[in-house]
Amino acid sequence: MSGGESESADLLLVDDDPEIRELTQAYLNQQGFNVACVDGGEAMDAYLAEHSVDLIILDLMMPGEHGLSIARRIKGNGIPIVIISAQGDDVDRIVGLEVGADDYLSKPFNPRELLARIRAVLRRSGAGSSHEAQPSEPRYRFGQFELDMASHQLSREGDNVPLTSGEFDLLAILVQHPNKVLDRDRILDLLTGAERSPFDRSIDVRVTRLRAKLEPDPSEPVFIRTIWGKGYMFCPEGDG
């Protein structure tokens, strides 16, 4: 990625519709992004083997491998994913988040809305200038874990724990408000640069994904507790 502003980020658009590829690429290039386009999962794999990207814009309904399958298998590589799809109901949106996407936009979409979503995800992922690593940024320790705010990494006894940018963003909010109940609206307000989600369950989905990575028993969470009727509370001591 060329340095400086988030608009210099390298994006990969994966969509089998040539008209959408052409129009979206032209618009985002005008905004200063470097946009490459491929028409499916196989072409995406070939491109990623030769190039690094800061964010993937991914269609769901394509010939060959389905977009959800693509998102599921690449979610551990740390590249943020924004799904675009004509499948716009809540179930598809929730599944998209559950398999590792950072945001979901229904087709047809306003290019300016896509631009806003991309910028928000890049800010949260650290690809933009607002998240340049600074040595002074703190580290938070809880249980066997350490969250490094500068490098945007979570480790467990020295081993890296892969997080999507959305998961990191939520965990960063939680660790900075220990032992305090945060409701969903407050969490959304604290997500710097984030657009409000068009569906209410986005925070719950991220919490479920974080618990799967943090909790000894996700069904009995000790770090991220549910306070029924109020919200969530982060307990760094692991007191259940």
Protein backbone atom coordinates (compact mmCIF):
# COMPACT_ATOMS: atom_id res chain seq x y z
CA MET A 1 0.00 0.00 0.00
CA SER A 2 1.29 3.43 -0.80
CA GLY A 3 1.59 5.42 2.41
CA GLY A 4 -0.30 8.42 3.69
CA GLU A 5 -4.08 8.70 3.49
CA SER A 6 -6.50 5.79 3.56
CA GLU A 7 -7.58 6.76 0.01
CA SER A 8 -4.23 5.42 -1.25
CA ALA A 9 -5.20 1.92 -0.14
CA ASP A 10 -5.11 -1.03 -2.53
CA LEU A 11 -8.56 -2.57 -3.05
CA LEU A 12 -9.62 -5.76 -4.80
CA LEU A 13 -13.15 -5.98 -6.22
CA VAL A 14 -14.41 -9.55 -6.70
CA ASP A 15 -17.59 -9.52 -8.79
CA ASP A 16 -18.69 -11.39 -11.92
CA ASP A 17 -20.75 -8.45 -13.27
CA PRO A 18 -18.53 -6.52 -15.71
CA GLU A 19 -20.68 -3.37 -15.54
CA ILE A 20 -20.48 -3.21 -11.74
CA ARG A 21 -16.75 -3.84 -11.88
CA GLU A 22 -16.23 -1.05 -14.41
CA LEU A 23 -18.43 1.55 -12.70
CA THR A 24 -17.22 0.79 -9.16
CA GLN A 25 -13.58 0.71 -10.18
CA ALA A 26 -13.89 4.04 -12.01
CA TYR A 27 -15.62 5.71 -9.07
CA LEU A 28 -13.19 4.45 -6.42
CA ASN A 29 -10.19 5.27 -8.59
CA GLN A 30 -11.52 8.83 -8.82
CA GLN A 31 -11.49 8.91 -5.02
CA GLY A 32 -7.78 8.05 -5.02
CA PHE A 33 -7.91 4.32 -4.33
CA ASN A 34 -5.92 1.75 -6.29
CA VAL A 35 -8.59 -0.72 -7.45
CA ALA A 36 -8.05 -4.06 -9.16
CA CYS A 37 -10.93 -6.25 -10.35
CA VAL A 38 -11.40 -10.02 -10.76
CA ASP A 39 -14.49 -12.05 -11.65
CA GLY A 40 -14.47 -14.85 -9.05
CA GLY A 41 -12.72 -16.85 -6.37
CA GLU A 42 -10.19 -18.56 -8.63
CA ALA A 43 -9.07 -15.26 -10.18
CA MET A 44 -8.95 -13.70 -6.71
CA ASP A 45 -6.62 -16.44 -5.46
CA ALA A 46 -4.32 -15.92 -8.42
CA TYR A 47 -4.25 -12.16 -7.83
CA LEU A 48 -3.56 -12.46 -4.09
CA ALA A 49 -0.71 -14.84 -4.79
CA GLU A 50 1.09 -11.98 -6.56
CA HIS A 51 -0.23 -8.85 -4.83
CA SER A 52 -1.07 -7.54 -1.37
CA VAL A 53 -4.33 -5.68 -0.79
CA ASP A 54 -5.76 -3.61 2.06
CA LEU A 55 -9.42 -4.53 1.56
CA ILE A 56 -11.56 -6.89 -0.53
CA ILE A 57 -14.98 -5.91 -1.89
CA LEU A 58 -16.73 -9.24 -2.37
CA ASP A 59 -19.91 -10.19 -4.23
CA LEU A 60 -21.82 -13.22 -2.96
CA MET A 61 -23.65 -14.62 -5.98
CA MET A 62 -21.01 -15.62 -8.53
CA PRO A 63 -20.47 -18.66 -10.75
CA GLY A 64 -18.21 -21.20 -9.12
CA GLU A 65 -17.35 -20.65 -5.48
CA HIS A 66 -19.96 -18.73 -3.51
CA GLY A 67 -18.88 -15.46 -1.90
CA LEU A 68 -19.65 -16.72 1.63
CA SER A 69 -17.32 -19.67 1.04
CA ILE A 70 -14.62 -17.27 -0.15
CA ALA A 71 -15.07 -15.04 2.90
CA ARG A 72 -14.98 -18.02 5.24
CA ARG A 73 -11.68 -19.37 3.94
CA ILE A 74 -9.82 -16.05 3.74
CA LYS A 75 -11.08 -14.51 7.00
CA GLY A 76 -7.95 -15.58 8.88
CA ASN A 77 -5.52 -13.70 6.64
CA GLY A 78 -6.33 -10.33 8.19
CA ILE A 79 -7.65 -8.64 5.02
CA PRO A 80 -10.86 -6.69 5.75
CA ILE A 81 -13.88 -7.73 3.68
CA VAL A 82 -16.87 -5.63 2.59
CA ILE A 83 -19.59 -7.82 1.09
CA ILE A 84 -21.84 -6.42 -1.65
CA SER A 85 -24.81 -8.53 -2.66
CA ALA A 86 -28.30 -8.49 -4.09
CA GLN A 87 -29.19 -10.85 -1.23
CA GLY A 88 -30.17 -8.12 1.20
CA ASP A 89 -32.25 -9.80 3.89
CA ASP A 90 -31.10 -9.89 7.52
CA VAL A 91 -30.22 -13.60 7.46
CA ASP A 92 -27.70 -13.16 4.66
CA ARG A 93 -26.25 -10.07 6.32
CA ILE A 94 -25.81 -11.87 9.63
CA VAL A 95 -24.26 -14.92 7.95
CA GLY A 96 -21.91 -12.59 6.09
CA LEU A 97 -20.67 -11.15 9.37
CA GLU A 98 -20.45 -14.55 11.00
CA VAL A 99 -18.09 -15.89 8.34
CA GLY A 100 -15.73 -12.96 8.80
CA ALA A 101 -16.91 -9.96 6.76
CA ASP A 102 -16.40 -6.51 8.27
CA ASP A 103 -19.41 -4.89 6.60
CA TYR A 104 -22.27 -5.76 4.25
CA LEU A 105 -23.93 -3.56 1.63
CA SER A 106 -26.99 -4.55 -0.40
CA LYS A 107 -27.22 -4.11 -4.16
CA PRO A 108 -28.10 -1.80 -5.76
CA PHE A 109 -26.00 0.56 -3.66
CA ASN A 110 -25.05 4.21 -3.80
CA PRO A 111 -21.32 4.42 -4.62
CA ARG A 112 -20.95 7.15 -1.98
CA GLU A 113 -22.28 4.76 0.66
CA LEU A 114 -19.81 2.09 -0.44
CA LEU A 115 -17.05 4.71 -0.20
CA ALA A 116 -18.10 5.61 3.35
CA ARG A 117 -18.15 1.93 4.39
CA ILE A 118 -14.71 1.32 2.86
CA ARG A 119 -13.21 4.32 4.62
CA ALA A 120 -14.71 3.28 7.96
CA VAL A 121 -13.41 -0.29 7.69
CA LEU A 122 -9.94 0.91 6.65
CA ARG A 123 -9.80 3.26 9.62
CA ARG A 124 -10.74 0.45 11.98
CA SER A 125 -8.32 -1.99 10.36
CA GLY A 126 -5.36 0.37 10.64
CA ALA A 127 -4.76 0.68 6.89
CA GLY A 128 -5.30 4.44 6.95
CA SER A 129 -3.08 7.13 8.36
CA SER A 130 -5.24 7.52 11.45
CA HIS A 131 -3.98 4.14 12.69
CA GLU A 132 -0.29 4.39 11.91
CA ALA A 133 1.51 2.34 14.57
CA GLN A 134 2.76 4.51 17.40
CA PRO A 135 5.15 3.15 20.04
CA SER A 136 3.28 5.08 22.73
CA GLU A 137 0.03 3.21 22.17
CA PRO A 138 -0.79 0.93 25.10
CA ARG A 139 -1.01 -2.80 25.54
CA TYR A 140 -3.82 -4.38 27.50
CA ARG A 141 -3.35 -7.68 29.33
CA PHE A 142 -6.16 -9.92 30.52
CA GLY A 143 -5.98 -13.60 31.39
CA GLN A 144 -3.49 -15.23 29.02
CA PHE A 145 -4.04 -12.51 26.41
CA GLU A 146 -2.32 -9.29 25.38
CA LEU A 147 -3.90 -6.74 23.06
CA ASP A 148 -1.35 -4.50 21.34
CA MET A 149 -3.06 -1.32 20.19
CA ALA A 150 -0.07 -0.16 18.11
CA SER A 151 0.28 -3.30 16.00
CA HIS A 152 -3.44 -4.18 16.08
CA GLN A 153 -2.63 -7.69 17.28
CA LEU A 154 -4.00 -10.00 19.93
CA SER A 155 -1.71 -12.68 21.32
CA ARG A 156 -2.19 -15.56 23.73
CA GLU A 157 0.99 -16.49 25.56
CA GLY A 158 2.99 -15.14 22.62
CA ASP A 159 0.94 -16.80 19.87
CA ASN A 160 -1.02 -14.56 17.51
CA VAL A 161 -4.82 -14.80 17.66
CA PRO A 162 -6.22 -13.70 14.25
CA LEU A 163 -8.89 -11.00 14.45
CA THR A 164 -10.88 -9.27 11.74
CA SER A 165 -10.79 -5.48 11.89
CA GLY A 166 -14.35 -5.49 13.24
CA GLU A 167 -13.41 -7.91 16.02
CA PHE A 168 -10.32 -5.88 16.93
CA ASP A 169 -12.32 -2.67 16.95
CA LEU A 170 -14.92 -4.09 19.35
CA LEU A 171 -12.34 -5.69 21.63
CA ALA A 172 -10.41 -2.40 21.79
CA ILE A 173 -13.58 -0.64 22.96
CA LEU A 174 -14.27 -3.29 25.59
CA VAL A 175 -10.76 -3.40 27.11
CA GLN A 176 -10.75 0.40 27.43
CA HIS A 177 -13.97 0.26 29.48
CA PRO A 178 -13.32 -2.55 31.97
CA ASN A 179 -16.02 -3.59 34.42
CA LYS A 180 -18.52 -1.16 32.89
CA VAL A 181 -21.81 -2.08 31.26
CA LEU A 182 -21.99 -0.84 27.65
CA ASP A 183 -25.24 -1.12 25.73
CA ARG A 184 -25.29 -1.67 21.97
CA ASP A 185 -25.95 1.98 21.12
CA ARG A 186 -23.04 3.12 23.29
CA ILE A 187 -20.72 0.60 21.66
CA LEU A 188 -21.76 1.81 18.20
CA ASP A 189 -21.12 5.40 19.28
CA LEU A 190 -17.61 4.44 20.44
CA LEU A 191 -16.67 2.74 17.17
CA THR A 192 -14.55 5.58 15.78
CA GLY A 193 -15.40 6.37 12.18
CA ALA A 194 -17.92 3.54 11.97
CA GLU A 195 -21.22 4.01 10.23
CA ARG A 196 -24.22 2.73 12.18
CA SER A 197 -25.07 -0.76 11.09
CA PRO A 198 -28.29 -1.22 9.11
CA PHE A 199 -29.04 -4.28 11.21
CA ASP A 200 -29.19 -4.48 14.99
CA ARG A 201 -27.43 -7.80 15.50
CA SER A 202 -24.01 -6.70 14.22
CA ILE A 203 -22.61 -6.15 17.74
CA ASP A 204 -24.04 -9.47 18.98
CA VAL A 205 -22.42 -11.32 16.07
CA ARG A 206 -19.01 -9.75 16.79
CA VAL A 207 -19.35 -10.61 20.49
CA THR A 208 -20.10 -14.24 19.59
CA ARG A 209 -17.02 -14.39 17.34
CA LEU A 210 -14.80 -12.81 20.00
CA ARG A 211 -16.04 -15.21 22.67
CA ALA A 212 -15.15 -18.15 20.44
CA LYS A 213 -11.55 -16.87 20.40
CA LEU A 214 -11.22 -15.65 24.00
CA GLU A 215 -13.38 -17.69 26.31
CA PRO A 216 -12.39 -21.07 27.80
CA ASP A 217 -16.09 -21.97 27.43
CA PRO A 218 -17.97 -19.58 25.10
CA SER A 219 -21.29 -20.79 26.52
CA GLU A 220 -20.17 -19.57 29.97
CA PRO A 221 -18.21 -16.39 29.18
CA VAL A 222 -15.98 -14.90 31.86
CA PHE A 223 -14.35 -12.05 29.93
CA ILE A 224 -17.25 -10.66 27.89
CA ARG A 225 -20.32 -11.04 30.07
CA THR A 226 -23.90 -10.42 28.99
CA ILE A 227 -25.79 -8.18 31.40
CA TRP A 228 -29.33 -9.10 30.47
CA GLY A 229 -31.47 -6.20 29.39
CA LYS A 230 -28.53 -3.78 29.58
CA GLY A 231 -25.64 -4.81 27.34
CA TYR A 232 -22.14 -6.24 27.74
CA MET A 233 -19.43 -5.88 30.38
CA PHE A 234 -15.74 -6.70 29.91
CA CYS A 235 -14.15 -8.36 32.96
CA PRO A 236 -10.33 -8.39 32.55
CA GLU A 237 -9.87 -10.63 35.58
CA GLY A 238 -12.10 -13.28 34.03
CA ASP A 239 -14.64 -13.19 36.84
CA GLY A 240 -17.73 -14.96 35.59
